[in-house]
Amino acid sequence: MYVKIKIHLSLLILCFIFVSFSLFKNELTLGTVWFKINSNSLVGFQKIFERFLSLENFNNIIFFILNCNFFLLMSFLPILISFLIFIFFN
């Protein structure tokens, strides 16, 4: 029981760290991180969505996600892990 509480607290602290990083590094978006890692895959991903999924609203959603702050998106990961631990490991 105590280990589970420590894991939850450490994941929440990690989430707080990611959110605080997102306040200081506004220019680091998911699209720029992806572009710095491999720009060709980003262009290919865009071409796939333009060719097969020519829905205007869906493209706007994808571009909105790519323009979101990287650390803010990463802050949802510890919350999700904490939730899954809470649900599945009683």
C-alpha atoms as a PDB file:
ATOM      1  CA  MET A   1       0.000   0.000   0.000  1.00  0.00           C
ATOM      2  CA  TYR A   2       2.781   2.437   0.857  1.00  0.00           C
ATOM      3  CA  VAL A   3       4.647   1.658  -2.339  1.00  0.00           C
ATOM      4  CA  LYS A   4       1.545   2.479  -4.374  1.00  0.00           C
ATOM      5  CA  ILE A   5       1.189   5.847  -2.621  1.00  0.00           C
ATOM      6  CA  LYS A   6       4.867   6.629  -3.216  1.00  0.00           C
ATOM      7  CA  ILE A   7       4.505   5.791  -6.899  1.00  0.00           C
ATOM      8  CA  HIS A   8       1.449   8.057  -7.204  1.00  0.00           C
ATOM      9  CA  LEU A   9       3.228  10.920  -5.460  1.00  0.00           C
ATOM     10  CA  SER A  10       6.345  10.551  -7.578  1.00  0.00           C
ATOM     11  CA  LEU A  11       4.266  10.520 -10.769  1.00  0.00           C
ATOM     12  CA  LEU A  12       2.395  13.632  -9.662  1.00  0.00           C
ATOM     13  CA  ILE A  13       5.697  15.368  -8.919  1.00  0.00           C
ATOM     14  CA  LEU A  14       6.903  14.377 -12.387  1.00  0.00           C
ATOM     15  CA  CYS A  15       3.702  15.824 -13.846  1.00  0.00           C
ATOM     16  CA  PHE A  16       4.286  19.068 -11.943  1.00  0.00           C
ATOM     17  CA  ILE A  17       7.845  19.231 -13.293  1.00  0.00           C
ATOM     18  CA  PHE A  18       6.612  18.789 -16.873  1.00  0.00           C
ATOM     19  CA  VAL A  19       3.972  21.495 -16.421  1.00  0.00           C
ATOM     20  CA  SER A  20       6.540  23.893 -14.960  1.00  0.00           C
ATOM     21  CA  PHE A  21       8.891  23.174 -17.886  1.00  0.00           C
ATOM     22  CA  SER A  22       6.038  23.944 -20.278  1.00  0.00           C
ATOM     23  CA  LEU A  23       5.661  27.383 -18.713  1.00  0.00           C
ATOM     24  CA  PHE A  24       9.323  28.216 -19.316  1.00  0.00           C
ATOM     25  CA  LYS A  25       9.818  26.612 -22.746  1.00  0.00           C
ATOM     26  CA  ASN A  26       6.867  27.813 -24.823  1.00  0.00           C
ATOM     27  CA  GLU A  27       8.598  27.462 -28.193  1.00  0.00           C
ATOM     28  CA  LEU A  28       9.150  23.700 -27.855  1.00  0.00           C
ATOM     29  CA  THR A  29       6.158  22.105 -29.577  1.00  0.00           C
ATOM     30  CA  LEU A  30       5.532  18.507 -30.566  1.00  0.00           C
ATOM     31  CA  GLY A  31       5.974  19.418 -34.236  1.00  0.00           C
ATOM     32  CA  THR A  32       9.387  21.003 -33.653  1.00  0.00           C
ATOM     33  CA  VAL A  33      10.580  18.011 -31.625  1.00  0.00           C
ATOM     34  CA  TRP A  34       9.402  15.664 -34.371  1.00  0.00           C
ATOM     35  CA  PHE A  35      11.052  17.878 -37.017  1.00  0.00           C
ATOM     36  CA  LYS A  36      14.362  17.859 -35.129  1.00  0.00           C
ATOM     37  CA  ILE A  37      14.310  14.079 -34.742  1.00  0.00           C
ATOM     38  CA  ASN A  38      13.339  13.149 -38.307  1.00  0.00           C
ATOM     39  CA  SER A  39      11.866  15.730 -40.650  1.00  0.00           C
ATOM     40  CA  ASN A  40      11.179  13.264 -43.472  1.00  0.00           C
ATOM     41  CA  SER A  41       8.762  11.240 -41.353  1.00  0.00           C
ATOM     42  CA  LEU A  42       6.877  14.416 -40.428  1.00  0.00           C
ATOM     43  CA  VAL A  43       6.455  15.308 -44.089  1.00  0.00           C
ATOM     44  CA  GLY A  44       5.373  11.745 -44.876  1.00  0.00           C
ATOM     45  CA  PHE A  45       2.883  11.812 -42.004  1.00  0.00           C
ATOM     46  CA  GLN A  46       1.414  15.054 -43.360  1.00  0.00           C
ATOM     47  CA  LYS A  47       1.194  13.602 -46.879  1.00  0.00           C
ATOM     48  CA  ILE A  48      -0.645  10.504 -45.608  1.00  0.00           C
ATOM     49  CA  PHE A  49      -3.233  12.652 -43.872  1.00  0.00           C
ATOM     50  CA  GLU A  50      -3.642  14.927 -46.865  1.00  0.00           C
ATOM     51  CA  ARG A  51      -4.058  12.027 -49.272  1.00  0.00           C
ATOM     52  CA  PHE A  52      -6.182   9.516 -47.383  1.00  0.00           C
ATOM     53  CA  LEU A  53      -7.960  11.657 -44.841  1.00  0.00           C
ATOM     54  CA  SER A  54      -8.898  14.796 -46.684  1.00  0.00           C
ATOM     55  CA  LEU A  55     -11.241  15.933 -43.935  1.00  0.00           C
ATOM     56  CA  GLU A  56     -10.691  19.590 -43.163  1.00  0.00           C
ATOM     57  CA  ASN A  57     -11.552  19.359 -39.460  1.00  0.00           C
ATOM     58  CA  PHE A  58      -9.348  16.320 -38.866  1.00  0.00           C
ATOM     59  CA  ASN A  59      -6.354  18.110 -40.385  1.00  0.00           C
ATOM     60  CA  ASN A  60      -6.995  21.046 -38.072  1.00  0.00           C
ATOM     61  CA  ILE A  61      -6.998  18.692 -35.074  1.00  0.00           C
ATOM     62  CA  ILE A  62      -3.684  17.141 -36.137  1.00  0.00           C
ATOM     63  CA  PHE A  63      -2.098  20.573 -36.636  1.00  0.00           C
ATOM     64  CA  PHE A  64      -3.439  21.683 -33.255  1.00  0.00           C
ATOM     65  CA  ILE A  65      -1.796  18.669 -31.583  1.00  0.00           C
ATOM     66  CA  LEU A  66       1.476  19.329 -33.409  1.00  0.00           C
ATOM     67  CA  ASN A  67       1.405  22.948 -32.206  1.00  0.00           C
ATOM     68  CA  CYS A  68       0.845  21.982 -28.555  1.00  0.00           C
ATOM     69  CA  ASN A  69       3.680  22.341 -26.094  1.00  0.00           C
ATOM     70  CA  PHE A  70       5.756  19.160 -25.824  1.00  0.00           C
ATOM     71  CA  PHE A  71       6.137  19.249 -22.048  1.00  0.00           C
ATOM     72  CA  LEU A  72       2.443  19.947 -21.559  1.00  0.00           C
ATOM     73  CA  LEU A  73       1.582  16.868 -23.614  1.00  0.00           C
ATOM     74  CA  MET A  74       4.164  14.836 -21.699  1.00  0.00           C
ATOM     75  CA  SER A  75       2.545  15.884 -18.416  1.00  0.00           C
ATOM     76  CA  PHE A  76      -0.511  13.792 -19.270  1.00  0.00           C
ATOM     77  CA  LEU A  77       1.590  10.616 -19.394  1.00  0.00           C
ATOM     78  CA  PRO A  78       2.317  10.400 -15.613  1.00  0.00           C
ATOM     79  CA  ILE A  79      -1.330  11.138 -14.867  1.00  0.00           C
ATOM     80  CA  LEU A  80      -2.390   8.310 -17.187  1.00  0.00           C
ATOM     81  CA  ILE A  81       0.131   5.908 -15.657  1.00  0.00           C
ATOM     82  CA  SER A  82      -0.997   6.852 -12.149  1.00  0.00           C
ATOM     83  CA  PHE A  83      -4.632   6.309 -13.123  1.00  0.00           C
ATOM     84  CA  LEU A  84      -3.872   2.885 -14.621  1.00  0.00           C
ATOM     85  CA  ILE A  85      -1.941   1.843 -11.514  1.00  0.00           C
ATOM     86  CA  PHE A  86      -4.830   2.967  -9.354  1.00  0.00           C
ATOM     87  CA  ILE A  87      -7.386   1.050 -11.422  1.00  0.00           C
ATOM     88  CA  PHE A  88      -5.579  -2.210 -12.172  1.00  0.00           C
ATOM     89  CA  PHE A  89      -3.298  -2.785  -9.181  1.00  0.00           C
ATOM     90  CA  ASN A  90      -5.438  -2.862  -6.069  1.00  0.00           C
END
